[in-house]
Protein backbone atom coordinates (compact mmCIF):
# COMPACT_ATOMS: atom_id res chain seq x y z
CA MET A 1 -6.26 51.12 45.17
CA SER A 2 -9.59 49.46 44.65
CA ILE A 3 -11.63 47.72 47.27
CA HIS A 4 -10.17 44.36 46.16
CA GLY A 5 -6.62 45.49 46.78
CA LEU A 6 -5.74 45.71 43.10
CA PRO A 7 -4.41 48.86 41.48
CA GLU A 8 -6.88 50.94 39.46
CA PRO A 9 -6.12 51.43 35.76
CA ASP A 10 -4.91 54.87 34.80
CA LYS A 11 -7.02 57.26 32.76
CA ALA A 12 -5.52 56.14 29.42
CA GLY A 13 -6.83 52.60 30.00
CA LYS A 14 -3.39 51.19 30.69
CA GLY A 15 -2.78 49.49 33.95
CA TRP A 16 -2.07 46.14 35.48
CA ARG A 17 -4.70 44.38 33.35
CA SER A 18 -3.38 45.49 29.96
CA GLY A 19 0.22 44.78 31.04
CA ALA A 20 -0.67 41.27 32.23
CA LEU A 21 -2.57 40.63 29.03
CA ALA A 22 0.38 41.76 26.91
CA ARG A 23 2.80 39.58 28.90
CA GLY A 24 0.44 36.60 28.64
CA LEU A 25 0.07 37.01 24.88
CA TRP A 26 3.85 37.36 24.51
CA VAL A 27 4.46 34.13 26.50
CA MET A 28 1.85 32.25 24.47
CA ALA A 29 3.37 33.48 21.19
CA CYS A 30 6.83 32.35 22.31
CA LEU A 31 5.57 28.92 23.33
CA ALA A 32 3.62 28.48 20.10
CA SER A 33 6.58 29.46 17.95
CA THR A 34 8.86 26.87 19.55
CA GLY A 35 6.86 24.15 17.79
CA CYS A 36 7.79 25.68 14.45
CA MET A 37 11.51 25.72 15.19
CA ARG A 38 13.79 22.89 14.19
CA THR A 39 17.37 22.00 14.71
CA GLY A 40 19.95 21.09 12.14
CA ALA A 41 21.71 23.02 9.42
CA ASP A 42 19.82 21.67 6.39
CA PRO A 43 16.26 23.03 6.17
CA LEU A 44 15.36 20.51 3.43
CA SER A 45 16.49 17.45 5.38
CA ALA A 46 12.94 16.94 6.69
CA LEU A 47 11.78 16.39 3.10
CA SER A 48 14.36 13.77 2.21
CA VAL A 49 13.59 10.05 2.18
CA ASP A 50 15.64 7.72 4.32
CA PRO A 51 17.43 5.42 1.82
CA ILE A 52 18.03 2.77 4.47
CA SER A 53 14.35 2.21 5.18
CA THR A 54 13.20 2.37 1.54
CA SER A 55 15.88 0.22 -0.04
CA THR A 56 15.14 -2.87 2.02
CA ILE A 57 12.17 -3.90 -0.14
CA GLN A 58 13.17 -4.66 -3.70
CA PRO A 59 10.45 -4.50 -6.35
CA LEU A 60 9.71 -7.76 -8.12
CA SER A 61 10.76 -8.12 -11.74
CA MET A 62 8.02 -8.82 -14.26
CA ASP A 63 9.13 -12.47 -14.49
CA ALA A 64 9.06 -12.81 -10.71
CA GLU A 65 5.60 -11.19 -10.59
CA MET A 66 4.27 -13.61 -13.20
CA GLN A 67 5.78 -16.59 -11.36
CA ALA A 68 4.20 -15.41 -8.12
CA ASP A 69 0.85 -14.96 -9.89
CA GLU A 70 1.15 -18.43 -11.46
CA ALA A 71 1.69 -19.88 -7.97
CA ALA A 72 -1.43 -18.05 -6.72
CA ILE A 73 -3.43 -19.43 -9.66
CA ALA A 74 -2.12 -22.95 -8.98
CA GLU A 75 -3.47 -22.78 -5.42
CA VAL A 76 -6.92 -21.78 -6.65
CA ILE A 77 -7.31 -24.39 -9.39
CA ALA A 78 -5.89 -27.29 -7.38
CA ASP A 79 -9.24 -28.69 -6.26
CA ALA A 80 -11.69 -26.29 -7.89
CA PRO A 81 -14.72 -27.46 -9.85
CA SER A 82 -14.54 -26.92 -13.60
CA ASN A 83 -17.91 -25.31 -14.14
CA GLN A 84 -17.68 -21.97 -12.32
CA PRO A 85 -15.55 -18.79 -12.44
CA LEU A 86 -12.78 -18.75 -9.85
CA PRO A 87 -11.43 -15.48 -8.46
CA TRP A 88 -7.74 -15.39 -7.52
CA SER A 89 -5.53 -12.78 -5.92
CA ASN A 90 -1.89 -12.41 -5.03
CA PRO A 91 -1.26 -10.00 -2.13
CA ALA A 92 2.50 -10.09 -2.80
CA THR A 93 2.12 -8.51 -6.26
CA GLY A 94 -1.25 -6.79 -5.91
CA SER A 95 -2.54 -8.75 -8.91
CA ALA A 96 -5.94 -10.41 -9.12
CA GLY A 97 -8.13 -12.01 -11.74
CA VAL A 98 -10.87 -14.46 -12.58
CA ILE A 99 -10.27 -17.93 -14.03
CA THR A 100 -12.88 -19.03 -16.57
CA THR A 101 -13.37 -21.97 -18.95
CA LEU A 102 -11.52 -24.45 -16.75
CA VAL A 103 -11.31 -27.74 -18.67
CA ASP A 104 -9.75 -30.98 -17.41
CA LYS A 105 -7.41 -32.79 -19.84
CA THR A 106 -5.00 -35.69 -19.72
CA ALA A 107 -1.79 -35.11 -21.64
CA THR A 108 1.17 -37.51 -21.74
CA GLY A 109 -0.14 -39.35 -18.71
CA ARG A 110 -0.41 -36.18 -16.61
CA THR A 111 -3.52 -34.50 -15.30
CA CYS A 112 -3.81 -31.01 -16.74
CA ARG A 113 -6.32 -28.18 -16.66
CA GLU A 114 -6.63 -25.60 -19.41
CA PHE A 115 -8.18 -22.26 -18.58
CA ARG A 116 -8.53 -18.63 -19.44
CA THR A 117 -7.84 -15.91 -16.86
CA SER A 118 -7.75 -12.19 -16.51
CA ARG A 119 -4.95 -10.44 -14.64
CA HIS A 120 -5.64 -7.05 -13.09
CA ALA A 121 -2.36 -5.49 -11.95
CA PHE A 122 -0.70 -2.11 -11.52
CA ASP A 123 0.55 -2.30 -15.11
CA GLY A 124 -2.95 -2.84 -16.54
CA ILE A 125 -5.46 -5.56 -17.36
CA ALA A 126 -4.51 -8.54 -19.52
CA LEU A 127 -6.03 -11.83 -20.66
CA PHE A 128 -4.13 -15.11 -20.64
CA MET A 129 -4.64 -18.66 -21.83
CA GLY A 130 -3.20 -20.99 -19.24
CA GLN A 131 -2.38 -24.59 -18.62
CA ALA A 132 -1.75 -26.22 -15.28
CA CYS A 133 -0.36 -29.75 -15.06
CA ARG A 134 0.51 -31.83 -12.03
CA ASP A 135 4.15 -32.82 -11.70
CA ARG A 136 5.37 -36.11 -10.18
CA GLU A 137 5.13 -34.69 -6.66
CA GLY A 138 1.52 -33.66 -7.23
CA GLU A 139 2.22 -29.92 -7.45
CA TRP A 140 0.49 -27.85 -10.14
CA LEU A 141 2.81 -26.19 -12.65
CA VAL A 142 1.14 -23.24 -14.35
CA SER A 143 2.11 -21.60 -17.61
CA LEU A 144 0.41 -18.49 -18.98
CA VAL A 145 0.38 -17.17 -22.55
CA PRO A 146 -0.80 -13.58 -23.13
CA GLN A 147 -3.86 -13.24 -25.39
CA SER A 148 -5.18 -10.32 -27.33
CA GLU A 149 -8.85 -9.50 -26.92
């Protein structure tokens, strides 16, 4: 026994200290490995996608995307001045663009605006000629025609 009341290590260097260290390392290794363990029979189930949570949002069709973009454009040109570029964006589709050459016209007794716009979307960049006319309720109806550069 030492003066502190603890056993002295033997001549080979093994004693209470090396045994306690080994037990401590073993306990730490066991605790660390429990985080790597999982339950369940299928080891690939953690990689699968939950179809319930991903099928609730349906992607828009191209026609629906264009209609949504036309509505976003209608909001921008409603009261905009004709002499400056107008940026527009549609968070629902991720599309955005810039309206240029906005010209006021009167056709068949309706107020219309002709314009050119770009459309930057996930499917690429495109140019359109557009026309927006007010209907009887005062809403802008927008139609877009794709243009080649």
